[in-house]
Amino acid sequence: MKYQLRAFRILPLIHVLAVGGLIITPEFSEAWVVAGAVAYPVRPIRVIVTVPPGAGADFTARTVGPRLGEALGSTVVIDNRPGASGIIGTDIAARATPDGYTILQASITTHGIGVHLYSKLPYDPVKDFIPIIHITSIPLIMVVNRDVPAASVKDLIAMAKARPGELRFASAGNGTAPHLLGEIFKSAVGVDLLHVPYKGSGPAVVDLVAGQVQVLFGSGVSLLGHINAGRFRPLAAASAKRNPLFPQLPTFEELGYKGIEGSPWYGFLAPARTPRDIVLRLNVEINRILATREMRERFGAQGAEIAGGSPEQFGRFMREEMVRWGAVVKRVGVKID
């Protein structure tokens, strides 16, 4: 079955933000957040991305970044600092001067899962950052290489139980959402799959094409061409609802497998002590950008869901994600150090 990129209807963002107990409308917001503030920005703004160019987080930053620069009358520079499951880039951001000129693109890896995988981090993921905005979430699907004789999740489970430890599942790296989803799958259905971590999703997909690994949880848009070419076979959507790029693909829950769900998400944070008026201005401008037709179409083509909202909403979301993934990490017993 061929799948096509489609246009989606994404619910429009709420244009009234509850920030700090005040109601800020689009017409009033810009004047309010800059009242009494020093001129900002007067030089380029750096967005630190913790993955290599071409990955999902990189797409998000490079999609929003130029439009943010235009809105602010400045330049937004994307600074890729991959490595150590996001720790390298996150640490750089945590130590940056809190003046609004360094932003971290946080993710489910840096502020959801990774918090629980390391016994000691060089920064505090909560205290060392201020939420700016939740930008997007990208639902994942499970695929297998075409040479794997499994037409369904049930078939794959049967194969894995007959050959414990022989089937290999790839991920974009230790501590990433695809890694944890693979571990959740193993625990939920009682199979033994060998985890093979890669430095990013690109190399993992290449080896899945070559048959070096057999199973992968990945974003729909990165897998779409291979699926349509017959190189990969999709088995299930690892999300609460069906993936918009693959509307005929059932979710794990629809197939009777509960709890196999997790969508990578991305948002912007500022170093702690960044002035509140700067955080609010960035939040308002990015909300406006996300509400445009251009952003709806570009994110929709990736199968991504636009979020938006206030800094406080993003802060609550991240805390909930940390709690959720902490329980998952404890249940499946994953630890990196």
C-alpha atoms as a PDB file:
ATOM      1  CA  MET A   1       0.000   0.000   0.000  1.00  0.00           C
ATOM      2  CA  LYS A   2       1.366   3.422  -0.986  1.00  0.00           C
ATOM      3  CA  TYR A   3       1.192   6.207   1.510  1.00  0.00           C
ATOM      4  CA  GLN A   4       1.161   9.860   0.500  1.00  0.00           C
ATOM      5  CA  LEU A   5       1.979  13.047   2.295  1.00  0.00           C
ATOM      6  CA  ARG A   6      -1.310  14.724   3.015  1.00  0.00           C
ATOM      7  CA  ALA A   7      -2.466  18.090   4.245  1.00  0.00           C
ATOM      8  CA  PHE A   8      -3.862  18.035   7.772  1.00  0.00           C
ATOM      9  CA  ARG A   9      -6.223  20.120   9.742  1.00  0.00           C
ATOM     10  CA  ILE A  10      -4.436  21.111  12.904  1.00  0.00           C
ATOM     11  CA  LEU A  11      -6.445  22.836  15.559  1.00  0.00           C
ATOM     12  CA  PRO A  12      -5.568  26.534  15.603  1.00  0.00           C
ATOM     13  CA  LEU A  13      -3.464  27.743  18.498  1.00  0.00           C
ATOM     14  CA  ILE A  14      -5.178  29.684  21.228  1.00  0.00           C
ATOM     15  CA  HIS A  15      -4.287  33.290  20.674  1.00  0.00           C
ATOM     16  CA  VAL A  16      -4.895  34.311  24.240  1.00  0.00           C
ATOM     17  CA  LEU A  17      -2.140  33.280  26.624  1.00  0.00           C
ATOM     18  CA  ALA A  18      -2.452  33.207  30.384  1.00  0.00           C
ATOM     19  CA  VAL A  19       1.002  34.350  31.495  1.00  0.00           C
ATOM     20  CA  GLY A  20       1.869  35.221  35.047  1.00  0.00           C
ATOM     21  CA  GLY A  21      -1.778  35.794  35.915  1.00  0.00           C
ATOM     22  CA  LEU A  22      -2.285  38.298  33.086  1.00  0.00           C
ATOM     23  CA  ILE A  23      -4.265  37.828  29.900  1.00  0.00           C
ATOM     24  CA  ILE A  24      -2.060  38.761  26.972  1.00  0.00           C
ATOM     25  CA  THR A  25      -3.716  39.198  23.601  1.00  0.00           C
ATOM     26  CA  PRO A  26      -1.706  39.280  20.359  1.00  0.00           C
ATOM     27  CA  GLU A  27      -2.400  43.010  19.985  1.00  0.00           C
ATOM     28  CA  PHE A  28      -1.259  43.838  23.521  1.00  0.00           C
ATOM     29  CA  SER A  29       1.487  41.279  24.052  1.00  0.00           C
ATOM     30  CA  GLU A  30       4.399  42.837  22.168  1.00  0.00           C
ATOM     31  CA  ALA A  31       4.014  46.216  23.793  1.00  0.00           C
ATOM     32  CA  TRP A  32       3.702  44.629  27.230  1.00  0.00           C
ATOM     33  CA  VAL A  33       6.671  42.279  27.107  1.00  0.00           C
ATOM     34  CA  VAL A  34       9.098  44.949  25.947  1.00  0.00           C
ATOM     35  CA  ALA A  35       7.849  47.712  28.238  1.00  0.00           C
ATOM     36  CA  GLY A  36      10.714  48.872  30.397  1.00  0.00           C
ATOM     37  CA  ALA A  37      13.114  46.335  28.906  1.00  0.00           C
ATOM     38  CA  VAL A  38      16.492  46.878  27.295  1.00  0.00           C
ATOM     39  CA  ALA A  39      16.639  46.574  23.514  1.00  0.00           C
ATOM     40  CA  TYR A  40      16.477  42.935  22.458  1.00  0.00           C
ATOM     41  CA  PRO A  41      17.831  41.490  20.332  1.00  0.00           C
ATOM     42  CA  VAL A  42      20.839  43.500  19.161  1.00  0.00           C
ATOM     43  CA  ARG A  43      22.922  40.540  17.955  1.00  0.00           C
ATOM     44  CA  PRO A  44      22.343  36.995  16.623  1.00  0.00           C
ATOM     45  CA  ILE A  45      20.541  34.438  18.767  1.00  0.00           C
ATOM     46  CA  ARG A  46      21.988  30.940  19.027  1.00  0.00           C
ATOM     47  CA  VAL A  47      19.755  27.857  19.232  1.00  0.00           C
ATOM     48  CA  ILE A  48      21.672  24.827  20.496  1.00  0.00           C
ATOM     49  CA  VAL A  49      20.432  21.557  18.994  1.00  0.00           C
ATOM     50  CA  THR A  50      21.639  18.356  20.652  1.00  0.00           C
ATOM     51  CA  VAL A  51      21.537  16.152  17.541  1.00  0.00           C
ATOM     52  CA  PRO A  52      23.398  16.206  14.197  1.00  0.00           C
ATOM     53  CA  PRO A  53      22.014  18.127  11.204  1.00  0.00           C
ATOM     54  CA  GLY A  54      19.134  16.350   9.488  1.00  0.00           C
ATOM     55  CA  ALA A  55      17.522  14.775  12.553  1.00  0.00           C
ATOM     56  CA  GLY A  56      14.015  15.557  13.805  1.00  0.00           C
ATOM     57  CA  ALA A  57      15.135  18.130  16.352  1.00  0.00           C
ATOM     58  CA  ASP A  58      17.285  19.821  13.725  1.00  0.00           C
ATOM     59  CA  PHE A  59      14.294  20.095  11.374  1.00  0.00           C
ATOM     60  CA  THR A  60      12.240  21.732  14.099  1.00  0.00           C
ATOM     61  CA  ALA A  61      14.862  24.357  14.931  1.00  0.00           C
ATOM     62  CA  ARG A  62      15.638  25.116  11.290  1.00  0.00           C
ATOM     63  CA  THR A  63      11.940  25.474  10.495  1.00  0.00           C
ATOM     64  CA  VAL A  64      11.116  27.880  13.325  1.00  0.00           C
ATOM     65  CA  GLY A  65      14.494  29.611  13.600  1.00  0.00           C
ATOM     66  CA  PRO A  66      14.473  31.716  10.402  1.00  0.00           C
ATOM     67  CA  ARG A  67      10.917  32.915  11.024  1.00  0.00           C
ATOM     68  CA  LEU A  68      11.810  33.834  14.602  1.00  0.00           C
ATOM     69  CA  GLY A  69      14.764  35.824  13.320  1.00  0.00           C
ATOM     70  CA  GLU A  70      12.495  37.716  10.933  1.00  0.00           C
ATOM     71  CA  ALA A  71       9.981  38.443  13.676  1.00  0.00           C
ATOM     72  CA  LEU A  72      12.687  39.780  15.988  1.00  0.00           C
ATOM     73  CA  GLY A  73      14.595  41.655  13.293  1.00  0.00           C
ATOM     74  CA  SER A  74      17.683  39.591  13.984  1.00  0.00           C
ATOM     75  CA  THR A  75      19.434  36.367  12.943  1.00  0.00           C
ATOM     76  CA  VAL A  76      18.890  32.940  14.514  1.00  0.00           C
ATOM     77  CA  VAL A  77      21.870  30.617  14.203  1.00  0.00           C
ATOM     78  CA  ILE A  78      21.456  26.853  14.648  1.00  0.00           C
ATOM     79  CA  ASP A  79      24.377  25.390  16.600  1.00  0.00           C
ATOM     80  CA  ASN A  80      24.450  21.563  16.418  1.00  0.00           C
ATOM     81  CA  ARG A  81      26.165  20.069  19.478  1.00  0.00           C
ATOM     82  CA  PRO A  82      25.425  16.318  19.376  1.00  0.00           C
ATOM     83  CA  GLY A  83      26.742  13.657  21.698  1.00  0.00           C
ATOM     84  CA  ALA A  84      26.153  11.768  24.950  1.00  0.00           C
ATOM     85  CA  SER A  85      22.373  11.576  24.515  1.00  0.00           C
ATOM     86  CA  GLY A  86      22.087  15.352  24.436  1.00  0.00           C
ATOM     87  CA  ILE A  87      24.225  16.008  27.513  1.00  0.00           C
ATOM     88  CA  ILE A  88      26.955  17.908  25.656  1.00  0.00           C
ATOM     89  CA  GLY A  89      24.662  20.490  24.100  1.00  0.00           C
ATOM     90  CA  THR A  90      22.441  20.787  27.159  1.00  0.00           C
ATOM     91  CA  ASP A  91      25.435  21.459  29.407  1.00  0.00           C
ATOM     92  CA  ILE A  92      26.656  24.198  27.073  1.00  0.00           C
ATOM     93  CA  ALA A  93      23.244  25.855  27.219  1.00  0.00           C
ATOM     94  CA  ALA A  94      23.024  25.547  31.003  1.00  0.00           C
ATOM     95  CA  ARG A  95      26.344  27.391  31.383  1.00  0.00           C
ATOM     96  CA  ALA A  96      25.536  30.106  28.847  1.00  0.00           C
ATOM     97  CA  THR A  97      25.005  33.717  29.871  1.00  0.00           C
ATOM     98  CA  PRO A  98      21.279  34.140  30.666  1.00  0.00           C
ATOM     99  CA  ASP A  99      20.701  37.094  28.380  1.00  0.00           C
ATOM    100  CA  GLY A 100      18.330  35.668  25.746  1.00  0.00           C
ATOM    101  CA  TYR A 101      21.044  35.045  23.170  1.00  0.00           C
ATOM    102  CA  THR A 102      21.352  31.308  23.855  1.00  0.00           C
ATOM    103  CA  ILE A 103      18.351  28.978  23.545  1.00  0.00           C
ATOM    104  CA  LEU A 104      18.320  25.217  24.001  1.00  0.00           C
ATOM    105  CA  GLN A 105      16.134  23.027  21.870  1.00  0.00           C
ATOM    106  CA  ALA A 106      15.081  20.588  24.571  1.00  0.00           C
ATOM    107  CA  SER A 107      13.598  17.197  23.786  1.00  0.00           C
ATOM    108  CA  ILE A 108      12.120  14.068  25.272  1.00  0.00           C
ATOM    109  CA  THR A 109      15.711  12.804  25.485  1.00  0.00           C
ATOM    110  CA  THR A 110      17.177  15.762  27.386  1.00  0.00           C
ATOM    111  CA  HIS A 111      14.196  16.566  29.627  1.00  0.00           C
ATOM    112  CA  GLY A 112      12.142  13.392  29.774  1.00  0.00           C
ATOM    113  CA  ILE A 113      14.052  10.143  29.471  1.00  0.00           C
ATOM    114  CA  GLY A 114      17.728  11.033  29.850  1.00  0.00           C
ATOM    115  CA  VAL A 115      17.212  12.526  33.307  1.00  0.00           C
ATOM    116  CA  HIS A 116      16.726   8.991  34.651  1.00  0.00           C
ATOM    117  CA  LEU A 117      19.448   7.169  32.713  1.00  0.00           C
ATOM    118  CA  TYR A 118      22.493   8.814  34.263  1.00  0.00           C
ATOM    119  CA  SER A 119      23.481   8.726  37.919  1.00  0.00           C
ATOM    120  CA  LYS A 120      24.938  12.242  37.668  1.00  0.00           C
ATOM    121  CA  LEU A 121      24.385  15.036  35.171  1.00  0.00           C
ATOM    122  CA  PRO A 122      26.566  18.176  34.943  1.00  0.00           C
ATOM    123  CA  TYR A 123      23.425  20.323  35.197  1.00  0.00           C
ATOM    124  CA  ASP A 124      20.001  20.295  36.825  1.00  0.00           C
ATOM    125  CA  PRO A 125      17.416  19.825  34.042  1.00  0.00           C
ATOM    126  CA  VAL A 126      14.792  21.762  36.005  1.00  0.00           C
ATOM    127  CA  LYS A 127      16.632  24.400  38.033  1.00  0.00           C
ATOM    128  CA  ASP A 128      19.113  25.383  35.328  1.00  0.00           C
ATOM    129  CA  PHE A 129      16.500  26.228  32.679  1.00  0.00           C
ATOM    130  CA  ILE A 130      13.396  28.340  32.085  1.00  0.00           C
ATOM    131  CA  PRO A 131      10.675  27.014  29.736  1.00  0.00           C
ATOM    132  CA  ILE A 132       9.926  29.149  26.696  1.00  0.00           C
ATOM    133  CA  ILE A 133       7.548  27.088  24.562  1.00  0.00           C
ATOM    134  CA  HIS A 134       6.575  23.557  23.583  1.00  0.00           C
ATOM    135  CA  ILE A 135       6.863  23.469  19.788  1.00  0.00           C
ATOM    136  CA  THR A 136       5.903  20.033  18.485  1.00  0.00           C
ATOM    137  CA  SER A 137       5.526  16.292  19.040  1.00  0.00           C
ATOM    138  CA  ILE A 138       6.271  13.640  16.412  1.00  0.00           C
ATOM    139  CA  PRO A 139       4.510  10.249  16.700  1.00  0.00           C
ATOM    140  CA  LEU A 140       6.532   7.119  15.900  1.00  0.00           C
ATOM    141  CA  ILE A 141       5.726   3.870  14.116  1.00  0.00           C
ATOM    142  CA  MET A 142       7.283   0.396  14.220  1.00  0.00           C
ATOM    143  CA  VAL A 143       8.682  -1.022  10.987  1.00  0.00           C
ATOM    144  CA  VAL A 144      10.591  -4.152  10.021  1.00  0.00           C
ATOM    145  CA  ASN A 145      12.945  -4.871   7.156  1.00  0.00           C
ATOM    146  CA  ARG A 146      11.192  -6.403   4.138  1.00  0.00           C
ATOM    147  CA  ASP A 147      13.134  -9.670   4.578  1.00  0.00           C
ATOM    148  CA  VAL A 148      11.578 -10.209   7.998  1.00  0.00           C
ATOM    149  CA  PRO A 149       8.697 -12.658   7.414  1.00  0.00           C
ATOM    150  CA  ALA A 150       6.339 -10.880   9.802  1.00  0.00           C
ATOM    151  CA  ALA A 151       3.151  -9.336   8.453  1.00  0.00           C
ATOM    152  CA  SER A 152       1.903  -8.237  11.861  1.00  0.00           C
ATOM    153  CA  VAL A 153       3.012  -7.468  15.404  1.00  0.00           C
ATOM    154  CA  LYS A 154       1.727 -10.883  16.412  1.00  0.00           C
ATOM    155  CA  ASP A 155       3.954 -12.516  13.800  1.00  0.00           C
ATOM    156  CA  LEU A 156       6.979 -10.552  14.997  1.00  0.00           C
ATOM    157  CA  ILE A 157       6.386 -11.578  18.589  1.00  0.00           C
ATOM    158  CA  ALA A 158       6.172 -15.214  17.570  1.00  0.00           C
ATOM    159  CA  MET A 159       9.438 -14.918  15.635  1.00  0.00           C
ATOM    160  CA  ALA A 160      11.211 -13.222  18.524  1.00  0.00           C
ATOM    161  CA  LYS A 161      10.067 -15.874  20.991  1.00  0.00           C
ATOM    162  CA  ALA A 162      11.245 -18.628  18.666  1.00  0.00           C
ATOM    163  CA  ARG A 163      14.647 -16.939  18.234  1.00  0.00           C
ATOM    164  CA  PRO A 164      15.434 -15.160  21.525  1.00  0.00           C
ATOM    165  CA  GLY A 165      18.204 -12.603  21.258  1.00  0.00           C
ATOM    166  CA  GLU A 166      18.637 -13.020  17.488  1.00  0.00           C
ATOM    167  CA  LEU A 167      16.434 -10.216  16.183  1.00  0.00           C
ATOM    168  CA  ARG A 168      18.003  -6.754  16.496  1.00  0.00           C
ATOM    169  CA  PHE A 169      16.204  -3.455  16.943  1.00  0.00           C
ATOM    170  CA  ALA A 170      17.911  -0.189  16.036  1.00  0.00           C
ATOM    171  CA  SER A 171      17.578   3.185  17.701  1.00  0.00           C
ATOM    172  CA  ALA A 172      18.909   6.704  17.245  1.00  0.00           C
ATOM    173  CA  GLY A 173      21.033   6.188  20.367  1.00  0.00           C
ATOM    174  CA  ASN A 174      20.965   5.162  24.002  1.00  0.00           C
ATOM    175  CA  GLY A 175      18.316   7.010  25.953  1.00  0.00           C
ATOM    176  CA  THR A 176      16.314   8.165  22.942  1.00  0.00           C
ATOM    177  CA  ALA A 177      12.579   7.617  22.546  1.00  0.00           C
ATOM    178  CA  PRO A 178      13.072   4.855  19.920  1.00  0.00           C
ATOM    179  CA  HIS A 179      15.381   3.052  22.356  1.00  0.00           C
ATOM    180  CA  LEU A 180      12.913   3.245  25.246  1.00  0.00           C
ATOM    181  CA  LEU A 181      10.005   2.239  23.013  1.00  0.00           C
ATOM    182  CA  GLY A 182      11.934  -0.858  22.006  1.00  0.00           C
ATOM    183  CA  GLU A 183      12.532  -1.674  25.663  1.00  0.00           C
ATOM    184  CA  ILE A 184       8.859  -1.065  26.480  1.00  0.00           C
ATOM    185  CA  PHE A 185       7.872  -3.377  23.631  1.00  0.00           C
ATOM    186  CA  LYS A 186      10.216  -6.111  24.871  1.00  0.00           C
ATOM    187  CA  SER A 187       8.862  -5.836  28.411  1.00  0.00           C
ATOM    188  CA  ALA A 188       5.194  -5.599  27.396  1.00  0.00           C
ATOM    189  CA  VAL A 189       5.139  -8.657  25.136  1.00  0.00           C
ATOM    190  CA  GLY A 190       7.870 -10.725  26.782  1.00  0.00           C
ATOM    191  CA  VAL A 191      10.469 -11.023  24.014  1.00  0.00           C
ATOM    192  CA  ASP A 192      14.243 -10.740  23.881  1.00  0.00           C
ATOM    193  CA  LEU A 193      15.490  -8.344  21.190  1.00  0.00           C
ATOM    194  CA  LEU A 194      19.078  -7.087  20.931  1.00  0.00           C
ATOM    195  CA  HIS A 195      19.351  -3.291  21.052  1.00  0.00           C
ATOM    196  CA  VAL A 196      21.755  -1.689  18.546  1.00  0.00           C
ATOM    197  CA  PRO A 197      22.223   2.057  19.217  1.00  0.00           C
ATOM    198  CA  TYR A 198      23.357   4.429  16.465  1.00  0.00           C
ATOM    199  CA  LYS A 199      24.535   8.033  16.397  1.00  0.00           C
ATOM    200  CA  GLY A 200      21.299   9.411  15.030  1.00  0.00           C
ATOM    201  CA  SER A 201      18.321   8.051  13.145  1.00  0.00           C
ATOM    202  CA  GLY A 202      19.980   8.331   9.718  1.00  0.00           C
ATOM    203  CA  PRO A 203      22.579   5.570  10.229  1.00  0.00           C
ATOM    204  CA  ALA A 204      19.950   3.375  11.893  1.00  0.00           C
ATOM    205  CA  VAL A 205      17.680   3.628   8.849  1.00  0.00           C
ATOM    206  CA  VAL A 206      20.600   2.840   6.522  1.00  0.00           C
ATOM    207  CA  ASP A 207      21.368  -0.376   8.392  1.00  0.00           C
ATOM    208  CA  LEU A 208      17.691  -1.329   8.477  1.00  0.00           C
ATOM    209  CA  VAL A 209      17.644  -1.043   4.682  1.00  0.00           C
ATOM    210  CA  ALA A 210      20.745  -3.250   4.504  1.00  0.00           C
ATOM    211  CA  GLY A 211      19.240  -5.847   6.840  1.00  0.00           C
ATOM    212  CA  GLN A 212      21.898  -5.411   9.534  1.00  0.00           C
ATOM    213  CA  VAL A 213      19.030  -4.792  11.971  1.00  0.00           C
ATOM    214  CA  GLN A 214      15.453  -6.006  11.651  1.00  0.00           C
ATOM    215  CA  VAL A 215      13.218  -3.673  13.684  1.00  0.00           C
ATOM    216  CA  LEU A 216      13.015   0.084  14.186  1.00  0.00           C
ATOM    217  CA  PHE A 217      10.778   2.646  15.866  1.00  0.00           C
ATOM    218  CA  GLY A 218      11.020   5.843  13.810  1.00  0.00           C
ATOM    219  CA  SER A 219       9.225   8.941  12.601  1.00  0.00           C
ATOM    220  CA  GLY A 220       6.848   8.407   9.732  1.00  0.00           C
ATOM    221  CA  VAL A 221       8.335  10.969   7.375  1.00  0.00           C
ATOM    222  CA  SER A 222      11.855   9.481   7.600  1.00  0.00           C
ATOM    223  CA  LEU A 223      10.458   6.035   6.800  1.00  0.00           C
ATOM    224  CA  LEU A 224       7.794   6.959   4.245  1.00  0.00           C
ATOM    225  CA  GLY A 225       9.943   6.602   1.117  1.00  0.00           C
ATOM    226  CA  HIS A 226      11.311   3.228   2.198  1.00  0.00           C
ATOM    227  CA  ILE A 227       7.826   1.979   3.027  1.00  0.00           C
ATOM    228  CA  ASN A 228       6.450   3.051  -0.342  1.00  0.00           C
ATOM    229  CA  ALA A 229       9.448   1.427  -2.060  1.00  0.00           C
ATOM    230  CA  GLY A 230       8.732  -1.853  -0.275  1.00  0.00           C
ATOM    231  CA  ARG A 231      11.959  -1.862   1.742  1.00  0.00           C
ATOM    232  CA  PHE A 232      10.184  -1.522   5.108  1.00  0.00           C
ATOM    233  CA  ARG A 233       6.904  -2.959   6.362  1.00  0.00           C
ATOM    234  CA  PRO A 234       4.966  -0.888   8.943  1.00  0.00           C
ATOM    235  CA  LEU A 235       3.386  -2.924  11.737  1.00  0.00           C
ATOM    236  CA  ALA A 236       1.894  -0.474  14.249  1.00  0.00           C
ATOM    237  CA  ALA A 237       1.717   3.147  15.391  1.00  0.00           C
ATOM    238  CA  ALA A 238       3.331   3.827  18.763  1.00  0.00           C
ATOM    239  CA  SER A 239       1.008   6.698  19.631  1.00  0.00           C
ATOM    240  CA  ALA A 240      -2.295   7.329  21.362  1.00  0.00           C
ATOM    241  CA  LYS A 241      -4.044   7.850  18.031  1.00  0.00           C
ATOM    242  CA  ARG A 242      -3.297   6.770  14.487  1.00  0.00           C
ATOM    243  CA  ASN A 243      -0.382   8.411  12.742  1.00  0.00           C
ATOM    244  CA  PRO A 244      -1.689  11.026  10.261  1.00  0.00           C
ATOM    245  CA  LEU A 245       0.821   9.884   7.627  1.00  0.00           C
ATOM    246  CA  PHE A 246      -0.414   6.286   7.941  1.00  0.00           C
ATOM    247  CA  PRO A 247      -4.116   6.527   8.781  1.00  0.00           C
ATOM    248  CA  GLN A 248      -4.770   2.847   8.004  1.00  0.00           C
ATOM    249  CA  LEU A 249      -2.027   1.646  10.356  1.00  0.00           C
ATOM    250  CA  PRO A 250      -3.470   0.540  13.734  1.00  0.00           C
ATOM    251  CA  THR A 251      -1.998   1.648  17.036  1.00  0.00           C
ATOM    252  CA  PHE A 252      -0.497  -0.884  19.442  1.00  0.00           C
ATOM    253  CA  GLU A 253      -3.438  -0.355  21.775  1.00  0.00           C
ATOM    254  CA  GLU A 254      -5.898  -1.117  18.984  1.00  0.00           C
ATOM    255  CA  LEU A 255      -4.025  -4.384  18.473  1.00  0.00           C
ATOM    256  CA  GLY A 256      -4.350  -5.224  22.163  1.00  0.00           C
ATOM    257  CA  TYR A 257      -0.888  -4.180  23.367  1.00  0.00           C
ATOM    258  CA  LYS A 258      -1.197  -1.453  25.982  1.00  0.00           C
ATOM    259  CA  GLY A 259       1.466   1.008  27.070  1.00  0.00           C
ATOM    260  CA  ILE A 260       3.635   0.890  23.925  1.00  0.00           C
ATOM    261  CA  GLU A 261       3.448   4.593  23.244  1.00  0.00           C
ATOM    262  CA  GLY A 262       5.805   7.552  23.099  1.00  0.00           C
ATOM    263  CA  SER A 263       6.239  10.545  20.839  1.00  0.00           C
ATOM    264  CA  PRO A 264       9.461  12.564  20.665  1.00  0.00           C
ATOM    265  CA  TRP A 265       8.784  16.199  21.455  1.00  0.00           C
ATOM    266  CA  TYR A 266      10.753  19.414  21.092  1.00  0.00           C
ATOM    267  CA  GLY A 267      10.625  22.821  22.686  1.00  0.00           C
ATOM    268  CA  PHE A 268      12.756  25.825  23.554  1.00  0.00           C
ATOM    269  CA  LEU A 269      14.338  26.554  26.940  1.00  0.00           C
ATOM    270  CA  ALA A 270      16.470  29.439  28.159  1.00  0.00           C
ATOM    271  CA  PRO A 271      19.225  29.311  30.767  1.00  0.00           C
ATOM    272  CA  ALA A 272      17.999  30.022  34.293  1.00  0.00           C
ATOM    273  CA  ARG A 273      17.815  33.706  35.232  1.00  0.00           C
ATOM    274  CA  THR A 274      17.078  34.805  31.671  1.00  0.00           C
ATOM    275  CA  PRO A 275      14.929  37.959  32.042  1.00  0.00           C
ATOM    276  CA  ARG A 276      11.222  37.232  32.145  1.00  0.00           C
ATOM    277  CA  ASP A 277      10.359  39.872  29.543  1.00  0.00           C
ATOM    278  CA  ILE A 278      12.685  38.213  27.019  1.00  0.00           C
ATOM    279  CA  VAL A 279      11.193  34.765  27.692  1.00  0.00           C
ATOM    280  CA  LEU A 280       7.687  36.158  27.192  1.00  0.00           C
ATOM    281  CA  ARG A 281       8.599  37.947  23.987  1.00  0.00           C
ATOM    282  CA  LEU A 282      10.103  34.767  22.543  1.00  0.00           C
ATOM    283  CA  ASN A 283       7.026  32.812  23.593  1.00  0.00           C
ATOM    284  CA  VAL A 284       4.610  35.266  21.977  1.00  0.00           C
ATOM    285  CA  GLU A 285       6.556  35.468  18.724  1.00  0.00           C
ATOM    286  CA  ILE A 286       6.908  31.689  18.391  1.00  0.00           C
ATOM    287  CA  ASN A 287       3.216  31.169  19.120  1.00  0.00           C
ATOM    288  CA  ARG A 288       2.421  33.568  16.291  1.00  0.00           C
ATOM    289  CA  ILE A 289       4.793  31.696  13.985  1.00  0.00           C
ATOM    290  CA  LEU A 290       3.303  28.289  14.844  1.00  0.00           C
ATOM    291  CA  ALA A 291      -0.174  29.595  14.074  1.00  0.00           C
ATOM    292  CA  THR A 292       0.712  30.420  10.463  1.00  0.00           C
ATOM    293  CA  ARG A 293      -0.383  28.328   7.519  1.00  0.00           C
ATOM    294  CA  GLU A 294       3.253  27.803   6.521  1.00  0.00           C
ATOM    295  CA  MET A 295       4.071  26.141   9.849  1.00  0.00           C
ATOM    296  CA  ARG A 296       0.906  24.017   9.821  1.00  0.00           C
ATOM    297  CA  GLU A 297       1.804  22.716   6.376  1.00  0.00           C
ATOM    298  CA  ARG A 298       5.492  22.145   7.073  1.00  0.00           C
ATOM    299  CA  PHE A 299       4.952  20.331  10.361  1.00  0.00           C
ATOM    300  CA  GLY A 300       1.926  18.502   8.991  1.00  0.00           C
ATOM    301  CA  ALA A 301       4.046  17.119   6.155  1.00  0.00           C
ATOM    302  CA  GLN A 302       6.268  15.582   8.830  1.00  0.00           C
ATOM    303  CA  GLY A 303       3.315  13.979  10.584  1.00  0.00           C
ATOM    304  CA  ALA A 304       4.081  16.305  13.493  1.00  0.00           C
ATOM    305  CA  GLU A 305       1.601  17.877  15.882  1.00  0.00           C
ATOM    306  CA  ILE A 306       2.046  21.573  16.696  1.00  0.00           C
ATOM    307  CA  ALA A 307       1.844  22.414  20.397  1.00  0.00           C
ATOM    308  CA  GLY A 308       2.453  26.043  21.387  1.00  0.00           C
ATOM    309  CA  GLY A 309       1.075  27.569  24.593  1.00  0.00           C
ATOM    310  CA  SER A 310       2.575  29.408  27.548  1.00  0.00           C
ATOM    311  CA  PRO A 311       5.928  28.848  29.294  1.00  0.00           C
ATOM    312  CA  GLU A 312       4.028  27.542  32.311  1.00  0.00           C
ATOM    313  CA  GLN A 313       2.222  24.954  30.213  1.00  0.00           C
ATOM    314  CA  PHE A 314       5.510  23.720  28.792  1.00  0.00           C
ATOM    315  CA  GLY A 315       6.999  23.544  32.271  1.00  0.00           C
ATOM    316  CA  ARG A 316       4.134  21.379  33.515  1.00  0.00           C
ATOM    317  CA  PHE A 317       4.372  19.178  30.437  1.00  0.00           C
ATOM    318  CA  MET A 318       8.086  18.543  30.994  1.00  0.00           C
ATOM    319  CA  ARG A 319       7.602  17.707  34.666  1.00  0.00           C
ATOM    320  CA  GLU A 320       4.879  15.222  33.737  1.00  0.00           C
ATOM    321  CA  GLU A 321       7.153  13.675  31.107  1.00  0.00           C
ATOM    322  CA  MET A 322       9.961  13.278  33.627  1.00  0.00           C
ATOM    323  CA  VAL A 323       7.644  11.472  36.025  1.00  0.00           C
ATOM    324  CA  ARG A 324       6.224   9.249  33.296  1.00  0.00           C
ATOM    325  CA  TRP A 325       9.560   8.209  31.823  1.00  0.00           C
ATOM    326  CA  GLY A 326      11.107   7.768  35.249  1.00  0.00           C
ATOM    327  CA  ALA A 327       8.564   5.041  35.909  1.00  0.00           C
ATOM    328  CA  VAL A 328       9.249   3.478  32.504  1.00  0.00           C
ATOM    329  CA  VAL A 329      13.020   3.463  32.994  1.00  0.00           C
ATOM    330  CA  LYS A 330      12.604   1.851  36.405  1.00  0.00           C
ATOM    331  CA  ARG A 331      10.203  -0.788  35.051  1.00  0.00           C
ATOM    332  CA  VAL A 332      12.332  -1.863  32.105  1.00  0.00           C
ATOM    333  CA  GLY A 333      15.602  -1.559  33.994  1.00  0.00           C
ATOM    334  CA  VAL A 334      17.545   0.610  31.526  1.00  0.00           C
ATOM    335  CA  LYS A 335      20.630   2.414  32.802  1.00  0.00           C
ATOM    336  CA  ILE A 336      23.509   3.950  30.866  1.00  0.00           C
ATOM    337  CA  ASP A 337      25.925   4.595  33.748  1.00  0.00           C
END
